[in-house]
Amino acid sequence: TGAVTHDGCVRAHNEDRYLSAPQHGIWLVADGMGGHFGGDVAAQIVVDRVETVRQSSSAADLRARFLDRVARANEDIRAHSARHDGVTIGATLAALLIHEAHFACCWCGDSRIYLLRDGVLTQLSRDHTEAQELFDSGAITAEQAENWPRKNVITRAVGVYEQAEIDHATGTLRDRDAFLLCSDGLTGHLHDDEIVAMMRGQPSQAACEALLAETLRRGASDNVTVIVVRCALKTVVSNEETATQDQEGSV
């Protein structure tokens, strides 16, 4: 696992927060919205709540515990908003959950989750944005969506509505899978092929630092947060040096 976060080159402070807890199979990026009213507070509430998830008995149990904490975070953020005259405060969410050989991606907003498998980068999450919804409906083209003037207008966030609406994608791990979680501060400056080039052949932390450095070089107009998680077969060596057992899905 590798992780970095940075204010960027324009913003006065960082409203992004992240959680990296390999021992519990949880990685998370939250991008706060609300400015000085508490965007950073909202993102931190999400992290603090999810951080209370401990050992899980199954992939389903881990996901249930995670969703419970997100629901509590949603309530906490709304309570914080109420104490500040009801101003809109919230946070995007992009999370990766791993239990043994099973993974689940959970997201809300425009922070993203990618899977790099066999050299091919696939976006597992789907942005909850005005531009994405217009593209999905056929109202605008992919090129228009990329340059949409309200491109950063999101349609979902934890804490904005009475209930947080979370989307999911699940799958089974393969040896050498690599996941990328990031706030939109990264994807606003880098294309998929550039991300692949900087992730390929580098340790997780080095990949994160390379992605951040290039984003900063290009002006980093927003906060930038990146997590990279690489997965591999776990080899357990017995007392006899020649005996090994492979267990797929360990990180």
Protein backbone atom coordinates (compact mmCIF):
# COMPACT_ATOMS: atom_id res chain seq x y z
CA THR A 1 0.00 0.00 0.00
CA GLY A 2 1.09 3.56 -0.76
CA ALA A 3 -0.68 6.85 -0.05
CA VAL A 4 -0.14 10.60 -0.49
CA THR A 5 -2.23 13.75 -0.09
CA HIS A 6 -1.41 17.37 -0.95
CA ASP A 7 -3.08 20.79 -0.92
CA GLY A 8 -2.27 21.26 -4.60
CA CYS A 9 -1.04 24.51 -6.16
CA VAL A 10 -4.18 26.63 -5.84
CA ARG A 11 -6.23 25.69 -2.77
CA ALA A 12 -5.37 27.30 0.57
CA HIS A 13 -5.99 24.12 2.56
CA ASN A 14 -6.63 20.43 2.05
CA GLU A 15 -10.20 19.13 2.33
CA ASP A 16 -9.19 15.60 1.26
CA ARG A 17 -8.78 12.84 3.82
CA TYR A 18 -7.80 9.18 3.43
CA LEU A 19 -7.69 5.94 5.38
CA SER A 20 -5.25 3.11 4.72
CA ALA A 21 -5.89 0.11 6.98
CA PRO A 22 -4.47 -3.02 5.27
CA GLN A 23 -4.80 -4.98 8.51
CA HIS A 24 -8.58 -4.60 8.27
CA GLY A 25 -8.87 -4.69 4.47
CA ILE A 26 -10.05 -1.09 4.10
CA TRP A 27 -8.76 1.79 1.98
CA LEU A 28 -10.68 5.02 1.52
CA VAL A 29 -10.46 8.48 -0.04
CA ALA A 30 -12.90 11.24 0.98
CA ASP A 31 -13.01 14.67 -0.68
CA GLY A 32 -14.78 17.26 1.45
CA MET A 33 -17.17 19.89 0.10
CA GLY A 34 -18.26 22.95 2.03
CA GLY A 35 -15.18 25.15 2.16
CA HIS A 36 -14.60 26.97 5.42
CA PHE A 37 -17.97 25.71 6.67
CA GLY A 38 -16.48 22.25 7.08
CA GLY A 39 -15.61 20.25 3.98
CA ASP A 40 -12.51 18.98 5.73
CA VAL A 41 -14.62 18.19 8.79
CA ALA A 42 -17.04 16.13 6.70
CA ALA A 43 -14.23 14.13 5.11
CA GLN A 44 -12.61 13.54 8.49
CA ILE A 45 -15.92 12.34 9.96
CA VAL A 46 -16.15 9.71 7.20
CA VAL A 47 -12.61 8.51 7.91
CA ASP A 48 -13.10 8.50 11.69
CA ARG A 49 -16.29 6.45 11.47
CA VAL A 50 -14.94 3.90 8.99
CA GLU A 51 -11.75 3.56 11.00
CA THR A 52 -13.77 1.91 13.78
CA VAL A 53 -14.36 -1.17 11.60
CA ARG A 54 -12.17 -3.98 12.89
CA GLN A 55 -11.79 -7.65 12.00
CA SER A 56 -14.57 -9.08 9.82
CA SER A 57 -15.67 -12.68 9.46
CA SER A 58 -16.46 -12.54 5.74
CA ALA A 59 -16.59 -10.22 2.73
CA ALA A 60 -20.31 -9.67 3.37
CA ASP A 61 -19.65 -8.87 7.03
CA LEU A 62 -16.94 -6.35 6.11
CA ARG A 63 -19.23 -4.62 3.63
CA ALA A 64 -22.10 -4.51 6.15
CA ARG A 65 -19.86 -3.02 8.84
CA PHE A 66 -18.52 -0.48 6.37
CA LEU A 67 -21.98 0.63 5.23
CA ASP A 68 -23.10 0.95 8.85
CA ARG A 69 -20.21 3.35 9.56
CA VAL A 70 -20.95 5.37 6.43
CA ALA A 71 -24.59 5.72 7.54
CA ARG A 72 -23.42 6.97 10.92
CA ALA A 73 -21.02 9.39 9.25
CA ASN A 74 -23.89 10.69 7.14
CA GLU A 75 -25.86 11.43 10.31
CA ASP A 76 -22.86 13.09 11.97
CA ILE A 77 -22.21 15.36 8.99
CA ARG A 78 -25.85 16.41 8.81
CA ALA A 79 -25.78 17.20 12.54
CA HIS A 80 -22.66 19.32 11.98
CA SER A 81 -24.44 21.10 9.13
CA ALA A 82 -27.47 21.81 11.34
CA ARG A 83 -25.18 23.48 13.89
CA HIS A 84 -24.01 25.82 11.10
CA ASP A 85 -27.43 27.05 9.91
CA GLY A 86 -27.95 24.12 7.55
CA VAL A 87 -25.16 25.03 5.12
CA THR A 88 -24.45 22.26 2.60
CA ILE A 89 -21.54 20.13 3.82
CA GLY A 90 -20.53 16.72 2.56
CA ALA A 91 -17.80 14.45 1.29
CA THR A 92 -17.27 12.16 -1.65
CA LEU A 93 -16.29 8.59 -0.91
CA ALA A 94 -14.20 6.02 -2.77
CA ALA A 95 -13.45 2.86 -0.81
CA LEU A 96 -11.84 -0.51 -1.46
CA LEU A 97 -12.72 -3.45 0.81
CA ILE A 98 -10.77 -6.72 0.67
CA HIS A 99 -11.48 -9.95 2.53
CA GLU A 100 -9.37 -12.92 1.48
CA ALA A 101 -9.81 -13.27 -2.30
CA HIS A 102 -12.87 -11.00 -2.51
CA PHE A 103 -12.97 -7.26 -3.11
CA ALA A 104 -15.71 -4.64 -3.12
CA CYS A 105 -15.55 -1.06 -4.35
CA CYS A 106 -17.97 1.44 -2.80
CA TRP A 107 -18.34 5.02 -3.92
CA CYS A 108 -20.42 8.19 -3.73
CA GLY A 109 -19.49 11.30 -5.71
CA ASP A 110 -16.60 11.79 -8.15
CA SER A 111 -13.63 10.31 -6.30
CA ARG A 112 -12.60 7.26 -8.29
CA ILE A 113 -11.48 3.63 -8.01
CA TYR A 114 -9.45 1.98 -10.76
CA LEU A 115 -8.19 -1.56 -11.28
CA LEU A 116 -4.93 -2.17 -13.14
CA ARG A 117 -5.00 -5.80 -14.30
CA ASP A 118 -2.71 -7.34 -16.91
CA GLY A 119 -1.61 -3.87 -17.99
CA VAL A 120 -5.17 -2.62 -18.59
CA LEU A 121 -6.61 0.19 -16.44
CA THR A 122 -10.36 -0.04 -15.79
CA GLN A 123 -12.41 2.53 -13.90
CA LEU A 124 -14.58 0.49 -11.52
CA SER A 125 -16.47 3.45 -10.10
CA ARG A 126 -18.79 5.68 -12.13
CA ASP A 127 -18.84 9.40 -11.38
CA HIS A 128 -21.91 10.83 -9.72
CA THR A 129 -21.73 14.12 -11.58
CA GLU A 130 -24.01 16.25 -13.71
CA ALA A 131 -21.77 15.70 -16.74
CA GLN A 132 -21.80 11.89 -16.32
CA GLU A 133 -25.59 11.81 -16.01
CA LEU A 134 -25.99 13.93 -19.17
CA PHE A 135 -23.58 11.64 -21.02
CA ASP A 136 -25.37 8.50 -19.80
CA SER A 137 -28.69 9.90 -21.02
CA GLY A 138 -27.23 10.68 -24.45
CA ALA A 139 -27.69 14.42 -24.06
CA ILE A 140 -23.97 15.16 -24.56
CA THR A 141 -21.01 13.39 -26.14
CA ALA A 142 -17.94 12.07 -24.32
CA GLU A 143 -15.93 15.03 -25.62
CA GLN A 144 -18.58 17.47 -24.40
CA ALA A 145 -18.64 15.74 -21.01
CA GLU A 146 -14.87 16.11 -20.72
CA ASN A 147 -15.16 19.88 -21.27
CA TRP A 148 -18.53 20.44 -19.60
CA PRO A 149 -18.53 23.87 -17.83
CA ARG A 150 -20.18 22.32 -14.75
CA LYS A 151 -17.95 19.24 -14.89
CA ASN A 152 -17.23 19.34 -11.15
CA VAL A 153 -20.88 19.52 -10.06
CA ILE A 154 -21.55 16.29 -8.16
CA THR A 155 -24.97 14.72 -7.68
CA ARG A 156 -24.18 12.59 -4.61
CA ALA A 157 -22.12 13.05 -1.45
CA VAL A 158 -22.12 11.63 2.07
CA GLY A 159 -23.90 14.03 4.43
CA VAL A 160 -25.92 16.00 1.89
CA TYR A 161 -29.11 13.94 1.90
CA GLU A 162 -31.00 12.09 4.61
CA GLN A 163 -29.45 8.83 3.46
CA ALA A 164 -26.14 8.30 1.68
CA GLU A 165 -26.64 6.45 -1.60
CA ILE A 166 -23.60 4.23 -2.21
CA ASP A 167 -22.84 2.31 -5.41
CA HIS A 168 -20.91 -0.98 -5.42
CA ALA A 169 -18.81 -3.21 -7.64
CA THR A 170 -17.47 -6.58 -6.51
CA GLY A 171 -15.04 -9.15 -7.82
CA THR A 172 -12.35 -11.73 -7.14
CA LEU A 173 -8.69 -10.80 -6.84
CA ARG A 174 -6.00 -12.03 -9.18
CA ASP A 175 -2.27 -12.15 -8.65
CA ARG A 176 -0.64 -8.77 -9.41
CA ASP A 177 -3.89 -6.78 -9.36
CA ALA A 178 -3.32 -3.12 -8.46
CA PHE A 179 -5.99 -0.67 -7.31
CA LEU A 180 -5.87 3.12 -7.50
CA LEU A 181 -8.14 5.28 -5.34
CA CYS A 182 -8.02 9.04 -5.89
CA SER A 183 -9.79 12.35 -5.52
CA ASP A 184 -10.69 14.28 -8.67
CA GLY A 185 -7.64 16.47 -8.14
CA LEU A 186 -5.62 13.71 -9.84
CA THR A 187 -7.93 12.75 -12.69
CA GLY A 188 -8.48 16.40 -13.58
CA HIS A 189 -4.87 16.50 -14.82
CA LEU A 190 -3.85 12.96 -15.86
CA HIS A 191 -5.21 10.62 -18.52
CA ASP A 192 -5.55 6.85 -18.12
CA ASP A 193 -2.49 5.99 -20.20
CA GLU A 194 -0.36 8.34 -18.11
CA ILE A 195 -1.63 6.76 -14.90
CA VAL A 196 -0.76 3.30 -16.22
CA ALA A 197 2.75 4.41 -17.19
CA MET A 198 3.44 5.75 -13.69
CA MET A 199 1.93 2.74 -11.88
CA ARG A 200 3.61 0.06 -13.97
CA GLY A 201 6.69 -1.51 -12.42
CA GLN A 202 6.85 0.78 -9.39
CA PRO A 203 6.23 0.00 -5.71
CA SER A 204 2.96 1.39 -4.38
CA GLN A 205 4.43 4.40 -2.55
CA ALA A 206 6.70 5.33 -5.45
CA ALA A 207 3.73 5.18 -7.83
CA CYS A 208 1.72 7.50 -5.57
CA GLU A 209 4.56 9.98 -5.36
CA ALA A 210 5.11 9.92 -9.11
CA LEU A 211 1.42 10.57 -9.79
CA LEU A 212 1.36 13.43 -7.29
CA ALA A 213 4.56 14.99 -8.64
CA GLU A 214 3.23 15.04 -12.21
CA THR A 215 -0.09 16.51 -11.06
CA LEU A 216 1.74 19.27 -9.19
CA ARG A 217 3.91 19.91 -12.24
CA ARG A 218 0.73 20.51 -14.24
CA GLY A 219 -0.64 23.05 -11.77
CA ALA A 220 -2.74 20.88 -9.41
CA SER A 221 -5.83 23.10 -9.38
CA ASP A 222 -7.40 21.06 -6.55
CA ASN A 223 -6.36 18.98 -3.54
CA VAL A 224 -4.79 15.68 -4.62
CA THR A 225 -5.05 12.35 -2.80
CA VAL A 226 -3.83 9.00 -4.15
CA ILE A 227 -3.81 5.47 -2.73
CA VAL A 228 -2.27 2.49 -4.55
CA VAL A 229 -2.89 -1.07 -3.34
CA ARG A 230 -1.02 -3.98 -4.95
CA CYS A 231 -2.20 -7.56 -4.43
CA ALA A 232 -0.24 -10.81 -4.77
CA LEU A 233 -0.37 -14.46 -3.93
CA LYS A 234 0.67 -15.04 -0.34
CA THR A 235 3.17 -17.86 0.10
CA VAL A 236 3.11 -19.56 3.49
CA VAL A 237 6.29 -21.52 4.23
CA SER A 238 5.97 -24.55 6.47
CA ASN A 239 8.60 -25.86 8.88
CA GLU A 240 10.02 -27.88 6.03
CA GLU A 241 11.86 -25.54 3.71
CA THR A 242 10.65 -27.28 0.56
CA ALA A 243 6.92 -27.14 1.39
CA THR A 244 4.88 -24.07 0.47
CA GLN A 245 1.23 -23.28 0.16
CA ASP A 246 -0.20 -20.47 -1.98
CA GLN A 247 -3.27 -18.62 -0.85
CA GLU A 248 -4.80 -16.24 -3.37
CA GLY A 249 -6.19 -12.88 -2.34
CA SER A 250 -3.78 -11.63 0.29
CA VAL A 251 -2.46 -8.10 0.08
